Amino acid sequence: MSYSIFSRIIFVLLLICAPLPASGDAVLIVGDSLSAGYGLPTGSGWVNLLSERLADDHPDVSVINASISGETTAGGKRRIQALLERHQPVVVVVELGANDGLRGIRIPLITEDLAAIVTASRRFGARTLVLGMRIPPNYGRDYAEKFHAMFKEVSNRHGASLVPFMLEGFADNRALFQDDGIHPAIDAQPLILDNIYGALQRLLKD
């Protein structure tokens, strides 16, 4: 085989094996069952609705949903660097902490892990949006208040944007939740998106 033919073969192989360039900007959602669509018909969760709305408002932006039911901030911290490197997002939406709170994990530990996710995303160059949560008062008023305040504290300290409570406006409406009383029903999904979308749009316009 001549050197010229061999060189051409190598060049073609390099073209085939090279990663494809990104086709626009990506929004990465790192969340738990609230974003993974637990208990909902396929394609009806708020993240799917976000993809549809962005297709109209920001057609060059794609949505990658890396949410896992049962995920904690510790799990998110372990996964975040690989997700950032794989998807190259311009915006990271962090929806984690609810499972930590429901398990009664100490607030300083949750804070540390949540801050690590935000810090990694910011260091990577992604604008970051934290979605705050609340837990029921039966966990103790002091714990519940510190849990909710944690999201604002982490966002302020590490330069992230914040949606104070992603279930704002309907958290006390039992009809908008599934039978477990924890996961929002299909009719609540557009309300979640409405709570989030304004803050996300501002990040995409920056």
N, C-alpha and C. Protein backbone atom coordinates (compact mmCIF):
# COMPACT_ATOMS: atom_id res chain seq x y z
N MET A 1 0.84 -1.19 0.00
CA MET A 1 0.00 0.00 0.00
C MET A 1 0.88 1.24 0.00
N SER A 2 0.62 2.17 -0.93
CA SER A 2 1.44 3.37 -1.01
C SER A 2 1.17 4.27 0.17
N TYR A 3 2.13 5.15 0.47
CA TYR A 3 2.00 6.11 1.58
C TYR A 3 0.81 7.03 1.35
N SER A 4 0.56 7.42 0.09
CA SER A 4 -0.52 8.33 -0.23
C SER A 4 -1.88 7.72 0.10
N ILE A 5 -2.07 6.45 -0.29
CA ILE A 5 -3.34 5.76 -0.01
C ILE A 5 -3.52 5.56 1.49
N PHE A 6 -2.41 5.16 2.17
CA PHE A 6 -2.47 4.96 3.61
C PHE A 6 -2.86 6.24 4.33
N SER A 7 -2.32 7.38 3.90
CA SER A 7 -2.62 8.67 4.52
C SER A 7 -4.09 9.02 4.35
N ARG A 8 -4.62 8.72 3.17
CA ARG A 8 -6.03 9.02 2.92
C ARG A 8 -6.94 8.18 3.81
N ILE A 9 -6.57 6.91 4.01
CA ILE A 9 -7.37 6.04 4.87
C ILE A 9 -7.38 6.56 6.29
N ILE A 10 -6.20 6.95 6.79
CA ILE A 10 -6.09 7.48 8.15
C ILE A 10 -6.94 8.72 8.30
N PHE A 11 -6.91 9.60 7.29
CA PHE A 11 -7.68 10.85 7.33
C PHE A 11 -9.18 10.56 7.40
N VAL A 12 -9.64 9.60 6.60
CA VAL A 12 -11.05 9.23 6.61
C VAL A 12 -11.45 8.66 7.97
N LEU A 13 -10.59 7.80 8.54
CA LEU A 13 -10.89 7.22 9.84
C LEU A 13 -10.98 8.29 10.92
N LEU A 14 -10.10 9.27 10.85
CA LEU A 14 -10.14 10.37 11.83
C LEU A 14 -11.44 11.15 11.71
N LEU A 15 -11.90 11.38 10.50
CA LEU A 15 -13.16 12.09 10.29
C LEU A 15 -14.33 11.31 10.86
N ILE A 16 -14.31 9.99 10.66
CA ILE A 16 -15.41 9.15 11.14
C ILE A 16 -15.45 9.10 12.67
N CYS A 17 -14.26 9.02 13.28
CA CYS A 17 -14.18 8.83 14.73
C CYS A 17 -14.25 10.13 15.52
N ALA A 18 -14.05 11.25 14.86
CA ALA A 18 -14.05 12.53 15.58
C ALA A 18 -15.43 12.82 16.14
N PRO A 19 -15.51 13.42 17.36
CA PRO A 19 -16.81 13.76 17.91
C PRO A 19 -17.49 14.81 17.07
N LEU A 20 -18.81 14.70 16.98
CA LEU A 20 -19.56 15.68 16.21
C LEU A 20 -19.60 17.01 16.94
N PRO A 21 -19.52 18.13 16.25
CA PRO A 21 -19.62 19.42 16.91
C PRO A 21 -21.00 19.61 17.50
N ALA A 22 -21.05 20.36 18.61
CA ALA A 22 -22.34 20.64 19.25
C ALA A 22 -23.22 21.46 18.32
N SER A 23 -24.51 21.10 18.25
CA SER A 23 -25.43 21.82 17.39
C SER A 23 -26.26 22.77 18.23
N GLY A 24 -25.64 23.85 18.71
CA GLY A 24 -26.34 24.81 19.54
C GLY A 24 -25.98 24.64 21.01
N ASP A 25 -26.64 25.43 21.86
CA ASP A 25 -26.37 25.42 23.28
C ASP A 25 -27.21 24.37 23.99
N ALA A 26 -26.72 23.93 25.14
CA ALA A 26 -27.42 22.90 25.91
C ALA A 26 -27.74 23.39 27.31
N VAL A 27 -28.94 23.04 27.77
CA VAL A 27 -29.34 23.24 29.15
C VAL A 27 -29.36 21.87 29.80
N LEU A 28 -28.58 21.71 30.86
CA LEU A 28 -28.47 20.44 31.56
C LEU A 28 -29.30 20.48 32.84
N ILE A 29 -30.23 19.54 32.99
CA ILE A 29 -31.05 19.43 34.19
C ILE A 29 -30.49 18.30 35.05
N VAL A 30 -30.06 18.63 36.25
CA VAL A 30 -29.55 17.62 37.18
C VAL A 30 -30.51 17.59 38.36
N GLY A 31 -31.37 16.57 38.37
CA GLY A 31 -32.41 16.55 39.39
C GLY A 31 -32.76 15.16 39.86
N ASP A 32 -33.88 15.10 40.59
CA ASP A 32 -34.37 13.83 41.13
C ASP A 32 -35.70 13.48 40.46
N SER A 33 -36.57 12.76 41.17
CA SER A 33 -37.82 12.30 40.57
C SER A 33 -38.75 13.44 40.15
N LEU A 34 -38.61 14.60 40.78
CA LEU A 34 -39.45 15.75 40.42
C LEU A 34 -39.17 16.23 39.00
N SER A 35 -37.96 15.95 38.53
CA SER A 35 -37.58 16.33 37.17
C SER A 35 -37.48 15.13 36.24
N ALA A 36 -37.43 13.93 36.81
CA ALA A 36 -37.32 12.71 35.99
C ALA A 36 -38.68 12.25 35.48
N GLY A 37 -39.76 12.89 35.94
CA GLY A 37 -41.09 12.52 35.46
C GLY A 37 -41.68 11.32 36.16
N TYR A 38 -41.32 11.12 37.42
CA TYR A 38 -41.82 9.96 38.17
C TYR A 38 -43.36 9.93 38.19
N GLY A 39 -43.93 8.78 37.84
CA GLY A 39 -45.36 8.57 37.90
C GLY A 39 -46.17 9.27 36.84
N LEU A 40 -45.51 9.89 35.87
CA LEU A 40 -46.20 10.64 34.83
C LEU A 40 -46.16 9.89 33.50
N PRO A 41 -47.14 10.14 32.62
CA PRO A 41 -47.05 9.59 31.26
C PRO A 41 -45.77 10.08 30.59
N THR A 42 -45.19 9.25 29.78
CA THR A 42 -43.95 9.62 29.09
C THR A 42 -44.11 10.93 28.32
N GLY A 43 -43.16 11.82 28.53
CA GLY A 43 -43.14 13.08 27.78
C GLY A 43 -43.99 14.18 28.37
N SER A 44 -44.55 13.99 29.57
CA SER A 44 -45.45 15.00 30.12
C SER A 44 -44.86 15.78 31.28
N GLY A 45 -43.63 15.48 31.68
CA GLY A 45 -43.01 16.18 32.79
C GLY A 45 -42.60 17.60 32.43
N TRP A 46 -42.28 18.39 33.44
CA TRP A 46 -41.97 19.80 33.19
C TRP A 46 -40.73 19.96 32.32
N VAL A 47 -39.79 19.02 32.39
CA VAL A 47 -38.60 19.12 31.55
C VAL A 47 -38.96 18.94 30.08
N ASN A 48 -39.88 18.03 29.79
CA ASN A 48 -40.35 17.86 28.41
C ASN A 48 -41.08 19.11 27.92
N LEU A 49 -41.88 19.70 28.81
CA LEU A 49 -42.57 20.93 28.46
C LEU A 49 -41.57 22.06 28.21
N LEU A 50 -40.48 22.06 28.98
CA LEU A 50 -39.43 23.05 28.77
C LEU A 50 -38.83 22.91 27.37
N SER A 51 -38.56 21.68 26.96
CA SER A 51 -38.00 21.45 25.62
C SER A 51 -38.92 22.01 24.55
N GLU A 52 -40.22 21.80 24.73
CA GLU A 52 -41.18 22.29 23.75
C GLU A 52 -41.22 23.81 23.71
N ARG A 53 -41.17 24.44 24.88
CA ARG A 53 -41.23 25.90 24.91
C ARG A 53 -39.95 26.51 24.35
N LEU A 54 -38.82 25.91 24.66
CA LEU A 54 -37.56 26.43 24.15
C LEU A 54 -37.47 26.27 22.63
N ALA A 55 -38.12 25.24 22.09
CA ALA A 55 -38.11 25.05 20.64
C ALA A 55 -38.71 26.26 19.93
N ASP A 56 -39.64 26.93 20.61
CA ASP A 56 -40.24 28.14 20.03
C ASP A 56 -39.43 29.39 20.35
N ASP A 57 -38.99 29.52 21.61
CA ASP A 57 -38.34 30.75 22.05
C ASP A 57 -36.84 30.77 21.78
N HIS A 58 -36.20 29.61 21.87
CA HIS A 58 -34.74 29.50 21.68
C HIS A 58 -34.46 28.23 20.88
N PRO A 59 -34.72 28.24 19.58
CA PRO A 59 -34.62 27.01 18.79
C PRO A 59 -33.23 26.39 18.74
N ASP A 60 -32.18 27.14 19.08
CA ASP A 60 -30.83 26.58 19.05
C ASP A 60 -30.44 25.95 20.38
N VAL A 61 -31.35 25.96 21.34
CA VAL A 61 -31.05 25.43 22.67
C VAL A 61 -31.69 24.05 22.83
N SER A 62 -30.90 23.08 23.27
CA SER A 62 -31.40 21.73 23.55
C SER A 62 -31.43 21.51 25.06
N VAL A 63 -32.24 20.55 25.48
CA VAL A 63 -32.37 20.23 26.90
C VAL A 63 -31.91 18.79 27.12
N ILE A 64 -30.99 18.61 28.05
CA ILE A 64 -30.52 17.28 28.43
C ILE A 64 -30.99 17.02 29.85
N ASN A 65 -31.81 16.00 30.01
CA ASN A 65 -32.34 15.67 31.33
C ASN A 65 -31.53 14.54 31.95
N ALA A 66 -30.69 14.89 32.91
CA ALA A 66 -29.85 13.91 33.60
C ALA A 66 -30.40 13.61 34.99
N SER A 67 -31.70 13.76 35.16
CA SER A 67 -32.34 13.53 36.45
C SER A 67 -32.58 12.05 36.70
N ILE A 68 -32.47 11.65 37.97
CA ILE A 68 -32.65 10.26 38.37
C ILE A 68 -33.56 10.23 39.59
N SER A 69 -34.59 9.42 39.55
CA SER A 69 -35.46 9.27 40.71
C SER A 69 -34.65 8.77 41.91
N GLY A 70 -34.86 9.40 43.06
CA GLY A 70 -34.13 9.03 44.26
C GLY A 70 -32.79 9.70 44.43
N GLU A 71 -32.39 10.53 43.48
CA GLU A 71 -31.09 11.17 43.52
C GLU A 71 -30.97 12.12 44.71
N THR A 72 -29.77 12.22 45.26
CA THR A 72 -29.46 13.13 46.35
C THR A 72 -28.39 14.12 45.90
N THR A 73 -28.10 15.09 46.75
CA THR A 73 -27.03 16.03 46.41
C THR A 73 -25.68 15.32 46.36
N ALA A 74 -25.50 14.32 47.20
CA ALA A 74 -24.24 13.56 47.16
C ALA A 74 -24.09 12.83 45.83
N GLY A 75 -25.19 12.25 45.34
CA GLY A 75 -25.14 11.59 44.04
C GLY A 75 -24.89 12.58 42.92
N GLY A 76 -25.53 13.73 43.00
CA GLY A 76 -25.30 14.77 41.99
C GLY A 76 -23.86 15.24 41.98
N LYS A 77 -23.28 15.37 43.16
CA LYS A 77 -21.87 15.79 43.25
C LYS A 77 -20.95 14.77 42.58
N ARG A 78 -21.27 13.50 42.76
CA ARG A 78 -20.43 12.46 42.14
C ARG A 78 -20.54 12.47 40.62
N ARG A 79 -21.70 12.86 40.10
CA ARG A 79 -21.94 12.76 38.65
C ARG A 79 -21.63 14.02 37.88
N ILE A 80 -21.57 15.17 38.55
CA ILE A 80 -21.63 16.44 37.84
C ILE A 80 -20.47 16.65 36.87
N GLN A 81 -19.25 16.30 37.25
CA GLN A 81 -18.12 16.59 36.38
C GLN A 81 -18.22 15.83 35.07
N ALA A 82 -18.59 14.56 35.14
CA ALA A 82 -18.73 13.77 33.91
C ALA A 82 -19.86 14.31 33.04
N LEU A 83 -20.93 14.77 33.65
CA LEU A 83 -22.05 15.34 32.89
C LEU A 83 -21.62 16.62 32.19
N LEU A 84 -20.88 17.45 32.90
CA LEU A 84 -20.41 18.70 32.30
C LEU A 84 -19.51 18.44 31.10
N GLU A 85 -18.59 17.50 31.26
CA GLU A 85 -17.65 17.21 30.18
C GLU A 85 -18.35 16.57 28.99
N ARG A 86 -19.34 15.77 29.24
CA ARG A 86 -20.03 15.08 28.15
C ARG A 86 -20.94 16.02 27.37
N HIS A 87 -21.69 16.87 28.08
CA HIS A 87 -22.75 17.65 27.43
C HIS A 87 -22.39 19.10 27.15
N GLN A 88 -21.32 19.62 27.78
CA GLN A 88 -20.86 20.99 27.51
C GLN A 88 -22.00 22.01 27.64
N PRO A 89 -22.73 22.03 28.74
CA PRO A 89 -23.89 22.93 28.84
C PRO A 89 -23.51 24.39 29.02
N VAL A 90 -24.38 25.27 28.57
CA VAL A 90 -24.21 26.70 28.86
C VAL A 90 -24.97 27.07 30.12
N VAL A 91 -25.99 26.27 30.46
CA VAL A 91 -26.77 26.48 31.68
C VAL A 91 -26.96 25.13 32.36
N VAL A 92 -26.78 25.12 33.69
CA VAL A 92 -27.07 23.93 34.49
C VAL A 92 -28.19 24.28 35.47
N VAL A 93 -29.24 23.48 35.45
CA VAL A 93 -30.35 23.64 36.40
C VAL A 93 -30.20 22.54 37.45
N VAL A 94 -30.03 22.95 38.70
CA VAL A 94 -29.81 22.00 39.80
C VAL A 94 -31.10 21.86 40.60
N GLU A 95 -31.73 20.70 40.51
CA GLU A 95 -32.97 20.42 41.25
C GLU A 95 -32.71 19.22 42.14
N LEU A 96 -32.00 19.47 43.24
CA LEU A 96 -31.64 18.41 44.16
C LEU A 96 -31.76 18.91 45.60
N GLY A 97 -31.93 17.97 46.51
CA GLY A 97 -32.01 18.31 47.92
C GLY A 97 -33.25 17.76 48.60
N ALA A 98 -34.32 17.55 47.84
CA ALA A 98 -35.57 17.08 48.44
C ALA A 98 -35.39 15.72 49.11
N ASN A 99 -34.71 14.80 48.44
CA ASN A 99 -34.52 13.47 49.04
C ASN A 99 -33.62 13.53 50.27
N ASP A 100 -32.65 14.43 50.26
CA ASP A 100 -31.80 14.63 51.44
C ASP A 100 -32.66 15.07 52.62
N GLY A 101 -33.53 16.06 52.36
CA GLY A 101 -34.36 16.59 53.42
C GLY A 101 -35.32 15.55 53.97
N LEU A 102 -35.94 14.78 53.07
CA LEU A 102 -36.89 13.76 53.51
C LEU A 102 -36.21 12.65 54.30
N ARG A 103 -34.90 12.50 54.11
CA ARG A 103 -34.15 11.50 54.89
C ARG A 103 -33.56 12.09 56.16
N GLY A 104 -33.77 13.38 56.37
CA GLY A 104 -33.28 14.03 57.58
C GLY A 104 -31.78 14.19 57.64
N ILE A 105 -31.12 14.23 56.48
CA ILE A 105 -29.67 14.43 56.44
C ILE A 105 -29.33 15.80 57.01
N ARG A 106 -28.22 15.89 57.73
CA ARG A 106 -27.85 17.15 58.37
C ARG A 106 -27.66 18.26 57.34
N ILE A 107 -28.17 19.43 57.65
CA ILE A 107 -28.14 20.56 56.73
C ILE A 107 -26.72 20.89 56.26
N PRO A 108 -25.70 20.92 57.14
CA PRO A 108 -24.35 21.23 56.65
C PRO A 108 -23.86 20.26 55.57
N LEU A 109 -24.24 18.99 55.67
CA LEU A 109 -23.82 18.02 54.65
C LEU A 109 -24.51 18.28 53.32
N ILE A 110 -25.82 18.58 53.38
CA ILE A 110 -26.55 18.89 52.15
C ILE A 110 -25.97 20.15 51.52
N THR A 111 -25.72 21.14 52.35
CA THR A 111 -25.17 22.42 51.87
C THR A 111 -23.85 22.21 51.16
N GLU A 112 -22.98 21.41 51.75
CA GLU A 112 -21.66 21.14 51.17
C GLU A 112 -21.78 20.49 49.80
N ASP A 113 -22.64 19.50 49.69
CA ASP A 113 -22.79 18.80 48.42
C ASP A 113 -23.45 19.67 47.35
N LEU A 114 -24.47 20.42 47.74
CA LEU A 114 -25.13 21.31 46.79
C LEU A 114 -24.16 22.38 46.30
N ALA A 115 -23.38 22.92 47.23
CA ALA A 115 -22.39 23.94 46.85
C ALA A 115 -21.35 23.36 45.89
N ALA A 116 -20.97 22.11 46.10
CA ALA A 116 -19.98 21.48 45.21
C ALA A 116 -20.52 21.35 43.79
N ILE A 117 -21.80 21.04 43.64
CA ILE A 117 -22.41 20.93 42.31
C ILE A 117 -22.43 22.30 41.63
N VAL A 118 -22.84 23.32 42.36
CA VAL A 118 -22.89 24.67 41.81
C VAL A 118 -21.49 25.16 41.46
N THR A 119 -20.54 24.93 42.34
CA THR A 119 -19.17 25.38 42.10
C THR A 119 -18.57 24.71 40.87
N ALA A 120 -18.78 23.40 40.74
CA ALA A 120 -18.26 22.68 39.57
C ALA A 120 -18.87 23.23 38.28
N SER A 121 -20.16 23.51 38.31
CA SER A 121 -20.84 24.03 37.12
C SER A 121 -20.33 25.42 36.77
N ARG A 122 -20.18 26.27 37.77
CA ARG A 122 -19.69 27.63 37.54
C ARG A 122 -18.24 27.61 37.06
N ARG A 123 -17.43 26.75 37.65
CA ARG A 123 -16.03 26.66 37.24
C ARG A 123 -15.92 26.19 35.80
N PHE A 124 -16.84 25.35 35.38
CA PHE A 124 -16.86 24.86 34.00
C PHE A 124 -17.24 25.97 33.03
N GLY A 125 -17.87 27.03 33.55
CA GLY A 125 -18.28 28.15 32.70
C GLY A 125 -19.77 28.19 32.42
N ALA A 126 -20.53 27.30 33.07
CA ALA A 126 -21.98 27.26 32.86
C ALA A 126 -22.69 28.19 33.82
N ARG A 127 -23.66 28.93 33.33
CA ARG A 127 -24.54 29.68 34.21
C ARG A 127 -25.44 28.69 34.94
N THR A 128 -25.71 28.95 36.20
CA THR A 128 -26.33 27.92 37.04
C THR A 128 -27.59 28.44 37.72
N LEU A 129 -28.62 27.61 37.70
CA LEU A 129 -29.90 27.93 38.33
C LEU A 129 -30.23 26.86 39.35
N VAL A 130 -30.42 27.29 40.60
CA VAL A 130 -30.78 26.38 41.68
C VAL A 130 -32.28 26.46 41.92
N LEU A 131 -32.94 25.31 42.01
CA LEU A 131 -34.37 25.25 42.29
C LEU A 131 -34.57 24.90 43.75
N GLY A 132 -35.10 25.84 44.51
CA GLY A 132 -35.31 25.62 45.93
C GLY A 132 -36.50 24.74 46.22
N MET A 133 -36.47 24.11 47.39
CA MET A 133 -37.55 23.23 47.82
C MET A 133 -37.88 23.50 49.28
N ARG A 134 -39.03 23.00 49.69
CA ARG A 134 -39.44 22.99 51.09
C ARG A 134 -39.76 21.55 51.48
N ILE A 135 -39.71 21.28 52.78
CA ILE A 135 -40.14 19.98 53.28
C ILE A 135 -41.25 20.19 54.30
N PRO A 136 -42.06 19.15 54.56
CA PRO A 136 -43.18 19.30 55.48
C PRO A 136 -42.73 19.73 56.88
N PRO A 137 -43.55 20.49 57.60
CA PRO A 137 -43.18 20.97 58.94
C PRO A 137 -43.06 19.87 59.98
N ASN A 138 -43.56 18.66 59.66
CA ASN A 138 -43.45 17.58 60.65
C ASN A 138 -42.01 17.10 60.84
N TYR A 139 -41.08 17.62 60.01
CA TYR A 139 -39.66 17.32 60.22
C TYR A 139 -39.06 18.23 61.28
N GLY A 140 -39.87 19.12 61.81
CA GLY A 140 -39.40 20.07 62.80
C GLY A 140 -39.25 21.44 62.16
N ARG A 141 -39.79 22.47 62.85
CA ARG A 141 -39.79 23.80 62.25
C ARG A 141 -38.37 24.31 61.99
N ASP A 142 -37.48 24.09 62.94
CA ASP A 142 -36.11 24.58 62.79
C ASP A 142 -35.42 23.93 61.60
N TYR A 143 -35.54 22.61 61.48
CA TYR A 143 -34.92 21.90 60.36
C TYR A 143 -35.53 22.35 59.04
N ALA A 144 -36.86 22.46 58.98
CA ALA A 144 -37.54 22.83 57.73
C ALA A 144 -37.14 24.23 57.28
N GLU A 145 -37.02 25.17 58.23
CA GLU A 145 -36.65 26.54 57.87
C GLU A 145 -35.20 26.61 57.40
N LYS A 146 -34.32 25.90 58.09
CA LYS A 146 -32.91 25.90 57.68
C LYS A 146 -32.73 25.21 56.32
N PHE A 147 -33.52 24.17 56.10
CA PHE A 147 -33.46 23.47 54.81
C PHE A 147 -33.82 24.42 53.67
N HIS A 148 -34.91 25.14 53.80
CA HIS A 148 -35.33 26.05 52.74
C HIS A 148 -34.33 27.19 52.56
N ALA A 149 -33.83 27.73 53.66
CA ALA A 149 -32.88 28.85 53.58
C ALA A 149 -31.56 28.44 52.93
N MET A 150 -31.24 27.16 53.00
CA MET A 150 -29.98 26.66 52.44
C MET A 150 -29.84 26.97 50.95
N PHE A 151 -30.92 26.86 50.19
CA PHE A 151 -30.85 27.07 48.74
C PHE A 151 -30.45 28.51 48.42
N LYS A 152 -31.01 29.46 49.15
CA LYS A 152 -30.65 30.86 48.95
C LYS A 152 -29.21 31.12 49.37
N GLU A 153 -28.83 30.52 50.48
CA GLU A 153 -27.46 30.69 50.97
C GLU A 153 -26.43 30.20 49.95
N VAL A 154 -26.65 29.00 49.42
CA VAL A 154 -25.72 28.44 48.45
C VAL A 154 -25.70 29.28 47.17
N SER A 155 -26.87 29.68 46.71
CA SER A 155 -26.95 30.48 45.48
C SER A 155 -26.22 31.82 45.64
N ASN A 156 -26.45 32.49 46.76
CA ASN A 156 -25.80 33.79 46.98
C ASN A 156 -24.30 33.65 47.12
N ARG A 157 -23.87 32.64 47.83
CA ARG A 157 -22.45 32.48 48.12
C ARG A 157 -21.66 32.07 46.88
N HIS A 158 -22.30 31.33 45.98
CA HIS A 158 -21.55 30.76 44.86
C HIS A 158 -21.99 31.30 43.50
N GLY A 159 -22.74 32.38 43.49
CA GLY A 159 -23.03 33.09 42.25
C GLY A 159 -24.02 32.41 41.33
N ALA A 160 -24.98 31.67 41.89
CA ALA A 160 -26.00 31.02 41.07
C ALA A 160 -27.31 31.81 41.14
N SER A 161 -28.13 31.66 40.13
CA SER A 161 -29.49 32.19 40.18
C SER A 161 -30.36 31.23 40.98
N LEU A 162 -31.51 31.73 41.44
CA LEU A 162 -32.34 30.93 42.33
C LEU A 162 -33.82 31.07 42.01
N VAL A 163 -34.52 29.94 41.99
CA VAL A 163 -35.98 29.91 42.07
C VAL A 163 -36.26 29.45 43.50
N PRO A 164 -36.77 30.32 44.37
CA PRO A 164 -36.87 29.98 45.80
C PRO A 164 -37.64 28.70 46.10
N PHE A 165 -38.72 28.44 45.34
CA PHE A 165 -39.53 27.25 45.60
C PHE A 165 -40.18 26.82 44.30
N MET A 166 -39.76 25.68 43.78
CA MET A 166 -40.23 25.27 42.46
C MET A 166 -41.71 24.88 42.44
N LEU A 167 -42.29 24.62 43.63
CA LEU A 167 -43.71 24.27 43.71
C LEU A 167 -44.55 25.44 44.21
N GLU A 168 -44.03 26.64 44.08
CA GLU A 168 -44.71 27.83 44.56
C GLU A 168 -46.11 27.96 43.93
N GLY A 169 -47.09 28.27 44.79
CA GLY A 169 -48.43 28.54 44.29
C GLY A 169 -49.37 27.36 44.29
N PHE A 170 -48.85 26.13 44.49
CA PHE A 170 -49.76 24.98 44.47
C PHE A 170 -49.35 23.88 45.43
N ALA A 171 -48.34 24.09 46.23
CA ALA A 171 -47.83 23.03 47.10
C ALA A 171 -48.87 22.54 48.10
N ASP A 172 -49.85 23.37 48.42
CA ASP A 172 -50.88 22.97 49.38
C ASP A 172 -52.16 22.48 48.70
N ASN A 173 -52.12 22.32 47.38
CA ASN A 173 -53.29 21.86 46.62
C ASN A 173 -53.16 20.36 46.38
N ARG A 174 -53.82 19.58 47.23
CA ARG A 174 -53.70 18.12 47.17
C ARG A 174 -54.11 17.55 45.81
N ALA A 175 -55.01 18.24 45.11
CA ALA A 175 -55.50 17.75 43.82
C ALA A 175 -54.42 17.76 42.75
N LEU A 176 -53.36 18.52 42.98
CA LEU A 176 -52.30 18.63 41.98
C LEU A 176 -51.12 17.71 42.28
N PHE A 177 -51.35 16.73 43.17
CA PHE A 177 -50.29 15.77 43.49
C PHE A 177 -50.79 14.35 43.24
N GLN A 178 -49.84 13.46 43.01
CA GLN A 178 -50.15 12.06 42.84
C GLN A 178 -50.60 11.46 44.18
N ASP A 179 -50.97 10.20 44.16
CA ASP A 179 -51.52 9.56 45.34
C ASP A 179 -50.56 9.55 46.53
N ASP A 180 -49.24 9.61 46.24
CA ASP A 180 -48.28 9.59 47.34
C ASP A 180 -48.20 10.92 48.08
N GLY A 181 -48.82 11.96 47.52
CA GLY A 181 -48.80 13.27 48.16
C GLY A 181 -47.48 13.98 48.06
N ILE A 182 -46.52 13.43 47.34
CA ILE A 182 -45.18 14.01 47.22
C ILE A 182 -44.89 14.49 45.81
N HIS A 183 -45.24 13.67 44.83
CA HIS A 183 -44.89 13.98 43.44
C HIS A 183 -46.02 14.73 42.74
N PRO A 184 -45.72 15.87 42.13
CA PRO A 184 -46.75 16.62 41.42
C PRO A 184 -47.38 15.82 40.28
N ALA A 185 -48.68 15.99 40.10
CA ALA A 185 -49.42 15.30 39.05
C ALA A 185 -49.19 15.99 37.70
N ILE A 186 -49.78 15.42 36.67
CA ILE A 186 -49.56 15.94 35.32
C ILE A 186 -50.06 17.39 35.19
N ASP A 187 -51.15 17.73 35.85
CA ASP A 187 -51.69 19.09 35.74
C ASP A 187 -50.80 20.12 36.42
N ALA A 188 -49.90 19.68 37.28
CA ALA A 188 -48.99 20.60 37.96
C ALA A 188 -47.74 20.91 37.15
N GLN A 189 -47.46 20.09 36.14
CA GLN A 189 -46.20 20.25 35.40
C GLN A 189 -46.08 21.62 34.70
N PRO A 190 -47.13 22.13 34.05
CA PRO A 190 -47.01 23.47 33.47
C PRO A 190 -46.78 24.56 34.53
N LEU A 191 -47.31 24.35 35.74
CA LEU A 191 -47.12 25.32 36.82
C LEU A 191 -45.67 25.33 37.28
N ILE A 192 -45.07 24.15 37.35
CA ILE A 192 -43.65 24.09 37.69
C ILE A 192 -42.82 24.84 36.66
N LEU A 193 -43.10 24.58 35.40
CA LEU A 193 -42.36 25.25 34.33
C LEU A 193 -42.53 26.76 34.41
N ASP A 194 -43.75 27.22 34.67
CA ASP A 194 -43.97 28.66 34.79
C ASP A 194 -43.15 29.26 35.93
N ASN A 195 -42.99 28.51 37.02
CA ASN A 195 -42.19 29.01 38.14
C ASN A 195 -40.72 29.14 37.79
N ILE A 196 -40.27 28.33 36.85
CA ILE A 196 -38.84 28.25 36.53
C ILE A 196 -38.46 29.07 35.30
N TYR A 197 -39.36 29.20 34.36
CA TYR A 197 -38.99 29.62 33.01
C TYR A 197 -38.41 31.03 32.95
N GLY A 198 -38.97 31.95 33.72
CA GLY A 198 -38.46 33.33 33.66
C GLY A 198 -36.99 33.41 34.05
N ALA A 199 -36.63 32.74 35.15
CA ALA A 199 -35.24 32.77 35.60
C ALA A 199 -34.32 32.09 34.59
N LEU A 200 -34.79 31.01 33.99
CA LEU A 200 -33.99 30.30 32.99
C LEU A 200 -33.80 31.16 31.74
N GLN A 201 -34.84 31.82 31.32
CA GLN A 201 -34.73 32.69 30.13
C GLN A 201 -33.71 33.79 30.34
N ARG A 202 -33.68 34.36 31.54
CA ARG A 202 -32.70 35.42 31.81
C ARG A 202 -31.28 34.89 31.69
N LEU A 203 -31.03 33.66 32.08
CA LEU A 203 -29.71 33.09 31.95
C LEU A 203 -29.35 32.84 30.50
N LEU A 204 -30.32 32.44 29.70
CA LEU A 204 -30.06 32.19 28.29
C LEU A 204 -29.80 33.47 27.52
N LYS A 205 -30.30 34.58 28.01
CA LYS A 205 -30.11 35.86 27.34
C LYS A 205 -28.82 36.56 27.76
N ASP A 206 -28.21 36.13 28.88
CA ASP A 206 -26.98 36.76 29.35
C ASP A 206 -25.84 36.58 28.37
